[in-house]
Amino acid sequence: MPAGNRHLTVAFVGAVPASQLPELVAIGHSSGRRAFSLRFDVYEYWPKPEVVVAAARVVPPALARLWEQLHRDLAALHYALTPKRLRPHVTLARKVAQAPVLQAMSPFDWRVEALSLLRSDTSGVESVYTVVDTWPLLYDAEKQ
């Protein structure tokens, strides 16, 4: 997976007509979302999508709040969202037909400082992600 394609999906809405992008951008502009760190600590193979991921076993409260708020806002606009539960991960390899032998992982932390709306094109050999808009997440002064 190319480094430029690495991302953490917080809400997947699927194909959206260009006429509906402004309502998604408006959700992104909502205030009060907080920056957070996420610790990826295990490799996993997911057979149905045929992917290998780095996963986070612990969900930080700020990520849980962000996920819940985005899902509420998007559901209010009648988007059918998948998945129905939060499983923080970064996809490392796609189209892995057979489960590999996964090694132990040295945990790493990822500081999440922005929320982006991405357009994805998965029709080619490699997925291509294009940033539509990005919004910074707020810092808690007492935690810095």
Protein backbone atom coordinates (compact mmCIF):
# COMPACT_ATOMS: atom_id res chain seq x y z
CA MET A 1 0.00 0.00 0.00
CA PRO A 2 1.61 3.32 -1.03
CA ALA A 3 2.28 5.65 1.92
CA GLY A 4 0.14 8.36 0.33
CA ASN A 5 -2.89 6.06 0.47
CA ARG A 6 -2.66 5.27 4.18
CA HIS A 7 -5.62 6.61 6.09
CA LEU A 8 -8.01 5.78 8.92
CA THR A 9 -11.62 5.57 7.73
CA VAL A 10 -14.00 6.99 10.33
CA ALA A 11 -17.14 6.92 8.18
CA PHE A 12 -17.59 5.28 4.77
CA VAL A 13 -20.53 6.65 2.79
CA GLY A 14 -19.91 5.07 -0.62
CA ALA A 15 -20.60 6.78 -3.93
CA VAL A 16 -21.94 10.32 -3.53
CA PRO A 17 -23.19 12.53 -6.38
CA ALA A 18 -21.31 15.84 -6.72
CA SER A 19 -24.53 17.67 -5.84
CA GLN A 20 -24.39 16.16 -2.31
CA LEU A 21 -20.75 17.03 -1.57
CA PRO A 22 -21.65 20.40 0.03
CA GLU A 23 -23.64 18.67 2.79
CA LEU A 24 -20.67 16.40 3.54
CA VAL A 25 -18.34 19.40 3.59
CA ALA A 26 -20.73 21.13 6.02
CA ILE A 27 -20.50 18.15 8.39
CA GLY A 28 -16.71 18.39 8.21
CA HIS A 29 -16.84 22.03 9.23
CA SER A 30 -18.70 21.18 12.46
CA SER A 31 -16.74 22.38 15.47
CA GLY A 32 -15.57 20.68 18.62
CA ARG A 33 -13.76 17.64 17.29
CA ARG A 34 -10.59 16.84 19.20
CA ALA A 35 -7.17 15.62 18.07
CA PHE A 36 -6.04 12.31 19.55
CA SER A 37 -3.36 9.64 19.42
CA LEU A 38 -4.10 6.14 18.29
CA ARG A 39 -1.87 3.15 19.08
CA PHE A 40 -1.72 0.47 16.43
CA ASP A 41 -0.61 -2.73 18.14
CA VAL A 42 -1.60 -5.81 16.15
CA TYR A 43 -1.57 -7.10 12.58
CA GLU A 44 -4.78 -8.77 11.42
CA TYR A 45 -5.95 -10.57 8.29
CA TRP A 46 -9.57 -9.94 7.32
CA PRO A 47 -10.68 -12.70 4.93
CA LYS A 48 -13.87 -11.17 3.48
CA PRO A 49 -12.25 -7.99 2.14
CA GLU A 50 -8.96 -9.90 1.70
CA VAL A 51 -6.82 -7.31 3.47
CA VAL A 52 -4.00 -7.19 5.98
CA VAL A 53 -4.31 -4.34 8.45
CA ALA A 54 -2.52 -2.74 11.36
CA ALA A 55 -5.25 -2.49 14.01
CA ALA A 56 -5.72 -0.64 17.26
CA ARG A 57 -7.20 -2.74 20.02
CA VAL A 58 -7.96 0.29 22.23
CA VAL A 59 -10.24 3.05 20.97
CA PRO A 60 -9.39 6.47 22.44
CA PRO A 61 -12.46 8.35 23.76
CA ALA A 62 -11.92 11.24 21.30
CA LEU A 63 -12.04 8.80 18.36
CA ALA A 64 -15.19 7.14 19.74
CA ARG A 65 -16.87 10.56 20.06
CA LEU A 66 -15.79 11.56 16.54
CA TRP A 67 -17.11 8.29 15.08
CA GLU A 68 -20.43 8.58 16.94
CA GLN A 69 -20.96 12.23 15.94
CA LEU A 70 -20.11 11.66 12.28
CA HIS A 71 -22.42 8.66 12.14
CA ARG A 72 -25.27 10.64 13.74
CA ASP A 73 -24.76 13.57 11.37
CA LEU A 74 -24.57 11.33 8.30
CA ALA A 75 -27.54 9.19 9.36
CA ALA A 76 -29.59 12.39 9.70
CA LEU A 77 -28.88 12.96 5.99
CA HIS A 78 -29.98 9.36 5.25
CA TYR A 79 -26.59 7.90 4.43
CA ALA A 80 -26.44 4.13 4.96
CA LEU A 81 -23.14 3.69 6.75
CA THR A 82 -20.86 0.72 6.99
CA PRO A 83 -19.49 -0.71 9.13
CA LYS A 84 -21.84 -0.51 12.10
CA ARG A 85 -19.02 -0.64 14.65
CA LEU A 86 -15.68 1.10 14.99
CA ARG A 87 -12.60 -1.01 14.19
CA PRO A 88 -9.66 1.41 13.90
CA HIS A 89 -7.19 0.11 11.34
CA VAL A 90 -4.91 1.06 8.50
CA THR A 91 -4.92 -1.22 5.47
CA LEU A 92 -1.41 -2.42 4.62
CA ALA A 93 -2.17 -4.83 1.76
CA ARG A 94 -5.23 -5.51 -0.43
CA LYS A 95 -6.25 -8.54 -2.49
CA VAL A 96 -4.57 -11.01 -0.14
CA ALA A 97 -6.47 -14.20 -1.01
CA GLN A 98 -4.89 -16.44 1.61
CA ALA A 99 -4.23 -15.68 5.27
CA PRO A 100 -0.52 -14.94 5.77
CA VAL A 101 1.46 -15.87 8.84
CA LEU A 102 1.43 -12.59 10.74
CA GLN A 103 4.33 -11.65 12.96
CA ALA A 104 4.13 -9.83 16.27
CA MET A 105 3.93 -6.11 15.75
CA SER A 106 5.97 -3.35 17.37
CA PRO A 107 3.24 -0.90 18.40
CA PHE A 108 3.30 2.59 16.95
CA ASP A 109 1.35 5.74 17.74
CA TRP A 110 -0.33 7.92 15.14
CA ARG A 111 -1.25 11.46 16.10
CA VAL A 112 -4.54 12.28 14.36
CA GLU A 113 -4.68 16.04 13.84
CA ALA A 114 -7.11 16.48 10.94
CA LEU A 115 -10.29 15.06 9.44
CA SER A 116 -10.49 14.79 5.65
CA LEU A 117 -13.19 14.00 3.15
CA LEU A 118 -11.69 11.64 0.57
CA ARG A 119 -12.85 10.47 -2.82
CA SER A 120 -11.67 6.96 -3.63
CA ASP A 121 -11.20 5.25 -6.96
CA THR A 122 -10.69 1.52 -6.51
CA SER A 123 -11.19 0.56 -10.17
CA GLY A 124 -7.48 0.24 -10.98
CA VAL A 125 -4.70 -2.00 -9.77
CA GLU A 126 -4.09 0.39 -6.86
CA SER A 127 -6.68 2.48 -5.06
CA VAL A 128 -6.35 6.22 -5.57
CA TYR A 129 -7.53 8.66 -2.90
CA THR A 130 -8.15 12.34 -3.58
CA VAL A 131 -8.65 14.85 -0.76
CA VAL A 132 -11.86 16.85 -1.25
CA ASP A 133 -11.49 18.94 1.92
CA THR A 134 -9.64 18.83 5.26
CA TRP A 135 -10.45 20.26 8.70
CA PRO A 136 -8.01 20.50 11.62
CA LEU A 137 -8.94 18.83 14.88
CA LEU A 138 -8.75 20.88 18.07
CA TYR A 139 -6.17 20.37 20.79
CA ASP A 140 -6.93 20.13 24.49
CA ALA A 141 -4.65 22.74 26.09
CA GLU A 142 -4.38 20.79 29.36
CA LYS A 143 -3.19 17.63 27.54
CA GLN A 144 -0.33 19.26 25.60
